Amino acid sequence: MDLGGSFKDKLIAFIDILGYKSKVEAAERGSKADLASLLEQCSKLRQPSHVEAISLHGPMICPDSKHVSRTLDYEVSQVSDSALVSVEVSPAGVANLLYHVSAAVGSLLRRGSMVRGYVCRGRIYHSGNMFLGTGYNNAVSQEKKVRAFRLPSDGPSTPFVEIDSAVVEYVKNETDPCVQEMFERLTASDAVGITVIHPVKRLFSMAASGFSLEQVERNLGVVIGWIERFLSELESQSPEHDSMANAKAKYYRRFLNEELEKCKRTRASLR
């Protein structure tokens, strides 16, 4: 760990597992989730295989996009159910950071958990588990205020990873077609233009990428099965005594059901 260093202008993501406190309390009581499953969930925030691959081989997503450092100045820190990820400001940097966050969201969804977070650009010192700076402070404070797709009758925050408008503009204006295509597959924007990592949007893109109608139909069948399992996991893993976390789950159910219907309609049209 470099104890010298300096503050740097970086892209920063702060992500947090929702309802985790209730699950820990339930595990201590011996009901529902056990310690091993909770630790496994926490490990998904770090995405260690993605991070290790970058350290060994350079950018894994959009590898031909511009970057400053071969390792993208990639740093990951974690405290319990929260993780901080920072990378250099570059097209390859933003692509790999957003992929990391999307993969973490998907991995936790498969285990019935939701993730909330914030992606921004700012000043930070980040080396190993040492981190500080106004960029970090902003990411942490904004994570609690994520409001994308909020319904008028609901509380102040929603269970998504929001992307700061400055990062959205950077992707649109200062990157390349590879990064922009990846961004389109991973994100969605609400009626007022707030952009988030979509929990399952990329699954439909994966299913529709077959080389024949038969392959696309098979892919859609697989994705339909995944989404149905995700819905089942959300239901089975809901914290028993956390009404706020359970209320937020309806946002995920909405997105999941929308993608499920899209997949079913597309598969029916191929027959």
Protein backbone atom coordinates (compact mmCIF):
# COMPACT_ATOMS: atom_id res chain seq x y z
CA MET A 1 0.00 0.00 0.00
CA ASP A 2 1.34 3.41 -1.01
CA LEU A 3 1.13 5.75 2.00
CA GLY A 4 2.49 8.61 -0.06
CA GLY A 5 0.39 9.20 -3.13
CA SER A 6 -2.01 12.07 -3.69
CA PHE A 7 -5.63 12.92 -4.30
CA LYS A 8 -6.65 11.99 -7.84
CA ASP A 9 -9.53 12.78 -10.15
CA LYS A 10 -11.23 9.37 -10.49
CA LEU A 11 -14.49 7.64 -11.27
CA ILE A 12 -15.96 6.31 -8.03
CA ALA A 13 -18.68 3.80 -7.15
CA PHE A 14 -20.04 3.23 -3.66
CA ILE A 15 -22.42 0.25 -3.41
CA ASP A 16 -24.31 -1.25 -0.49
CA ILE A 17 -26.45 -4.37 0.05
CA LEU A 18 -29.96 -3.44 1.17
CA GLY A 19 -31.61 -5.22 4.09
CA TYR A 20 -28.31 -6.74 5.18
CA LYS A 21 -28.61 -5.69 8.83
CA SER A 22 -31.89 -7.60 9.14
CA LYS A 23 -30.35 -10.66 7.50
CA VAL A 24 -27.42 -10.59 9.92
CA GLU A 25 -29.80 -10.39 12.86
CA ALA A 26 -31.81 -13.31 11.45
CA ALA A 27 -28.62 -15.35 10.97
CA GLU A 28 -27.62 -14.74 14.58
CA ARG A 29 -31.03 -16.02 15.67
CA GLY A 30 -30.52 -19.12 13.55
CA SER A 31 -33.29 -18.41 11.05
CA LYS A 32 -33.15 -18.01 7.26
CA ALA A 33 -29.69 -16.94 6.02
CA ASP A 34 -26.62 -18.44 7.69
CA LEU A 35 -23.20 -16.85 8.13
CA ALA A 36 -21.69 -18.64 5.12
CA SER A 37 -24.35 -17.32 2.74
CA LEU A 38 -23.99 -13.79 4.11
CA LEU A 39 -20.22 -13.87 3.60
CA GLU A 40 -20.71 -15.19 0.08
CA GLN A 41 -23.06 -12.29 -0.70
CA CYS A 42 -20.52 -9.78 0.60
CA SER A 43 -17.80 -11.27 -1.60
CA LYS A 44 -19.85 -10.49 -4.72
CA LEU A 45 -19.44 -6.76 -4.18
CA ARG A 46 -15.70 -7.02 -4.87
CA GLN A 47 -15.98 -9.04 -8.11
CA PRO A 48 -12.49 -10.49 -7.47
CA SER A 49 -12.16 -12.38 -10.76
CA HIS A 50 -12.84 -9.20 -12.77
CA VAL A 51 -10.40 -7.16 -10.68
CA GLU A 52 -7.68 -9.82 -10.83
CA ALA A 53 -8.06 -10.19 -14.59
CA ILE A 54 -7.53 -6.44 -15.04
CA SER A 55 -4.41 -6.51 -12.85
CA LEU A 56 -2.98 -9.34 -14.97
CA HIS A 57 -4.18 -8.53 -18.48
CA GLY A 58 -5.45 -4.95 -18.56
CA PRO A 59 -9.01 -3.81 -19.38
CA MET A 60 -11.41 -6.74 -19.79
CA ILE A 61 -14.34 -4.67 -21.10
CA CYS A 62 -13.73 -2.58 -24.22
CA PRO A 63 -10.00 -3.46 -24.14
CA ASP A 64 -9.25 -1.31 -27.19
CA SER A 65 -10.76 1.81 -25.65
CA LYS A 66 -8.43 4.57 -24.50
CA HIS A 67 -6.88 4.25 -21.06
CA VAL A 68 -4.01 5.83 -19.13
CA SER A 69 -2.78 2.91 -17.04
CA ARG A 70 -2.91 -0.73 -18.11
CA THR A 71 -4.46 -1.58 -14.72
CA LEU A 72 -6.87 1.40 -14.91
CA ASP A 73 -5.64 2.49 -11.44
CA TYR A 74 -8.27 0.02 -10.19
CA GLU A 75 -8.86 0.04 -6.43
CA VAL A 76 -11.48 -1.87 -4.42
CA SER A 77 -12.15 -1.58 -0.68
CA GLN A 78 -14.88 -3.23 1.37
CA VAL A 79 -16.32 -2.82 4.86
CA SER A 80 -18.97 -5.43 5.66
CA ASP A 81 -21.85 -5.03 3.17
CA SER A 82 -20.50 -1.89 1.46
CA ALA A 83 -17.81 -1.56 -1.19
CA LEU A 84 -15.89 1.31 -2.74
CA VAL A 85 -14.47 1.01 -6.26
CA SER A 86 -12.42 3.67 -8.03
CA VAL A 87 -10.75 3.80 -11.44
CA GLU A 88 -8.96 6.28 -13.65
CA VAL A 89 -11.02 8.68 -15.75
CA SER A 90 -10.88 7.09 -19.21
CA PRO A 91 -13.23 5.32 -21.64
CA ALA A 92 -11.89 1.90 -20.60
CA GLY A 93 -12.02 2.96 -16.96
CA VAL A 94 -15.71 3.86 -17.00
CA ALA A 95 -16.60 0.73 -19.01
CA ASN A 96 -14.91 -1.63 -16.55
CA LEU A 97 -16.25 0.22 -13.49
CA LEU A 98 -19.85 0.07 -14.71
CA TYR A 99 -19.45 -3.59 -15.66
CA HIS A 100 -18.12 -4.30 -12.15
CA VAL A 101 -21.15 -2.63 -10.57
CA SER A 102 -23.60 -4.33 -12.94
CA ALA A 103 -22.03 -7.74 -12.26
CA ALA A 104 -22.27 -7.15 -8.50
CA VAL A 105 -25.94 -6.16 -8.81
CA GLY A 106 -26.67 -9.26 -10.89
CA SER A 107 -24.76 -11.59 -8.56
CA LEU A 108 -26.64 -10.31 -5.52
CA LEU A 109 -29.97 -10.46 -7.33
CA ARG A 110 -29.40 -14.15 -8.00
CA ARG A 111 -29.18 -14.54 -4.22
CA GLY A 112 -32.32 -12.54 -3.52
CA SER A 113 -30.59 -9.30 -2.44
CA MET A 114 -30.80 -5.75 -3.75
CA VAL A 115 -27.99 -3.23 -4.13
CA ARG A 116 -28.15 0.55 -3.86
CA GLY A 117 -25.28 2.85 -4.74
CA TYR A 118 -23.93 5.89 -6.52
CA VAL A 119 -21.37 6.35 -9.30
CA CYS A 120 -19.70 9.74 -9.63
CA ARG A 121 -16.49 11.53 -10.52
CA GLY A 122 -14.40 13.29 -7.92
CA ARG A 123 -11.19 13.66 -5.96
CA ILE A 124 -10.07 10.70 -3.90
CA TYR A 125 -7.04 9.11 -2.31
CA HIS A 126 -7.57 5.36 -2.62
CA SER A 127 -4.91 2.77 -1.93
CA GLY A 128 -5.85 -0.63 -0.56
CA ASN A 129 -8.21 -0.08 2.36
CA MET A 130 -7.15 3.55 2.83
CA PHE A 131 -9.48 6.05 1.19
CA LEU A 132 -10.60 9.62 1.70
CA GLY A 133 -11.61 12.62 -0.35
CA THR A 134 -14.56 14.74 -1.41
CA GLY A 135 -15.36 12.31 -4.23
CA TYR A 136 -15.77 9.49 -1.72
CA ASN A 137 -17.84 11.70 0.58
CA ASN A 138 -20.14 12.62 -2.30
CA ALA A 139 -20.64 9.00 -3.37
CA VAL A 140 -21.53 7.93 0.18
CA SER A 141 -23.95 10.80 0.81
CA GLN A 142 -25.69 10.45 -2.56
CA GLU A 143 -26.12 6.68 -2.13
CA LYS A 144 -28.65 7.39 0.60
CA LYS A 145 -30.60 9.72 -1.71
CA VAL A 146 -31.01 7.56 -4.84
CA ARG A 147 -34.45 8.45 -6.17
CA ALA A 148 -34.65 7.05 -9.72
CA PHE A 149 -38.05 5.60 -10.72
CA ARG A 150 -39.47 6.69 -7.35
CA LEU A 151 -43.24 6.43 -7.02
CA PRO A 152 -45.02 9.43 -5.43
CA SER A 153 -46.36 7.35 -2.55
CA ASP A 154 -42.96 5.93 -1.58
CA GLY A 155 -40.12 6.96 0.69
CA PRO A 156 -37.18 9.15 -0.31
CA SER A 157 -34.88 6.50 -1.82
CA THR A 158 -35.08 3.61 -4.29
CA PRO A 159 -33.00 0.40 -4.59
CA PHE A 160 -30.78 1.21 -7.56
CA VAL A 161 -27.23 2.23 -8.35
CA GLU A 162 -27.59 5.75 -9.70
CA ILE A 163 -25.07 7.23 -12.13
CA ASP A 164 -24.24 10.90 -11.68
CA SER A 165 -25.16 13.11 -14.63
CA ALA A 166 -21.51 14.14 -15.08
CA VAL A 167 -20.55 10.49 -15.63
CA VAL A 168 -23.45 10.02 -18.06
CA GLU A 169 -22.28 13.06 -20.05
CA TYR A 170 -18.71 11.76 -20.02
CA VAL A 171 -19.85 8.47 -21.55
CA LYS A 172 -21.94 10.24 -24.20
CA ASN A 173 -19.36 12.84 -25.21
CA GLU A 174 -15.87 11.51 -24.45
CA THR A 175 -15.90 7.77 -25.07
CA ASP A 176 -16.30 5.48 -28.09
CA PRO A 177 -18.93 3.18 -29.65
CA CYS A 178 -17.86 0.15 -27.59
CA VAL A 179 -18.30 1.97 -24.29
CA GLN A 180 -21.53 3.63 -25.40
CA GLU A 181 -23.04 0.33 -26.57
CA MET A 182 -22.11 -1.32 -23.28
CA PHE A 183 -23.58 1.63 -21.39
CA GLU A 184 -26.85 1.30 -23.30
CA ARG A 185 -27.08 -2.42 -22.44
CA LEU A 186 -26.47 -1.91 -18.73
CA THR A 187 -28.49 1.21 -17.90
CA ALA A 188 -31.97 2.72 -17.93
CA SER A 189 -33.26 6.26 -17.32
CA ASP A 190 -36.50 7.31 -15.69
CA ALA A 191 -38.98 9.96 -16.84
CA VAL A 192 -36.91 12.83 -15.44
CA GLY A 193 -33.62 11.56 -16.87
CA ILE A 194 -32.02 9.94 -13.83
CA THR A 195 -29.85 7.03 -15.01
CA VAL A 196 -29.25 3.80 -13.10
CA ILE A 197 -27.68 0.40 -13.57
CA HIS A 198 -30.63 -1.74 -14.69
CA PRO A 199 -30.73 -5.00 -12.69
CA VAL A 200 -31.64 -7.26 -15.63
CA LYS A 201 -31.68 -5.30 -18.90
CA ARG A 202 -28.51 -6.90 -20.20
CA LEU A 203 -30.09 -10.36 -19.97
CA PHE A 204 -32.46 -9.59 -22.84
CA SER A 205 -29.53 -8.29 -24.91
CA MET A 206 -27.68 -11.54 -24.25
CA ALA A 207 -30.69 -13.62 -25.26
CA ALA A 208 -31.26 -11.69 -28.48
CA SER A 209 -27.65 -12.06 -29.64
CA GLY A 210 -27.97 -15.56 -31.13
CA PHE A 211 -26.84 -16.39 -34.65
CA SER A 212 -30.13 -18.11 -35.60
CA LEU A 213 -33.79 -17.89 -34.66
CA GLU A 214 -33.53 -21.28 -32.96
CA GLN A 215 -30.60 -20.12 -30.84
CA VAL A 216 -32.35 -16.89 -29.90
CA GLU A 217 -35.43 -18.87 -28.88
CA ARG A 218 -33.30 -21.19 -26.72
CA ASN A 219 -31.53 -18.20 -25.17
CA LEU A 220 -34.85 -16.55 -24.36
CA GLY A 221 -36.01 -19.73 -22.64
CA VAL A 222 -32.89 -19.72 -20.47
CA VAL A 223 -33.32 -16.04 -19.55
CA ILE A 224 -37.00 -16.57 -18.73
CA GLY A 225 -35.94 -19.32 -16.33
CA TRP A 226 -33.36 -17.04 -14.74
CA ILE A 227 -35.83 -14.20 -14.21
CA GLU A 228 -38.41 -16.53 -12.69
CA ARG A 229 -35.76 -17.79 -10.27
CA PHE A 230 -34.75 -14.21 -9.42
CA LEU A 231 -38.36 -13.39 -8.54
CA SER A 232 -38.53 -16.51 -6.39
CA GLU A 233 -35.27 -15.64 -4.60
CA LEU A 234 -36.43 -12.08 -3.90
CA GLU A 235 -39.52 -13.51 -2.25
CA SER A 236 -37.74 -16.20 -0.24
CA GLN A 237 -34.87 -13.98 0.93
CA SER A 238 -36.96 -10.98 2.01
CA PRO A 239 -35.97 -9.96 5.56
CA GLU A 240 -38.74 -10.95 7.97
CA HIS A 241 -38.69 -7.77 10.05
CA ASP A 242 -37.51 -5.13 7.55
CA SER A 243 -40.61 -3.52 6.05
CA MET A 244 -38.56 -0.81 4.32
CA ALA A 245 -36.37 -3.31 2.46
CA ASN A 246 -39.40 -5.38 1.51
CA ALA A 247 -41.17 -2.29 0.17
CA LYS A 248 -38.18 -1.50 -2.03
CA ALA A 249 -38.27 -5.01 -3.51
CA LYS A 250 -41.33 -4.04 -5.56
CA TYR A 251 -39.08 -1.92 -7.78
CA TYR A 252 -36.99 -4.96 -8.66
CA ARG A 253 -40.12 -7.04 -9.18
CA ARG A 254 -41.41 -4.42 -11.59
CA PHE A 255 -38.24 -4.47 -13.68
CA LEU A 256 -38.04 -8.25 -13.56
CA ASN A 257 -41.65 -8.67 -14.65
CA GLU A 258 -41.19 -6.15 -17.48
CA GLU A 259 -38.18 -8.07 -18.81
CA LEU A 260 -39.98 -11.38 -18.31
CA GLU A 261 -42.93 -10.23 -20.43
CA LYS A 262 -40.59 -8.83 -23.08
CA CYS A 263 -38.78 -12.16 -23.33
CA LYS A 264 -42.04 -14.12 -23.50
CA ARG A 265 -43.48 -11.85 -26.22
CA THR A 266 -40.30 -12.10 -28.26
CA ARG A 267 -40.15 -15.88 -27.93
CA ALA A 268 -43.82 -16.18 -28.95
CA SER A 269 -43.20 -14.06 -32.05
CA LEU A 270 -40.47 -16.47 -33.21
CA ARG A 271 -42.78 -19.48 -33.20
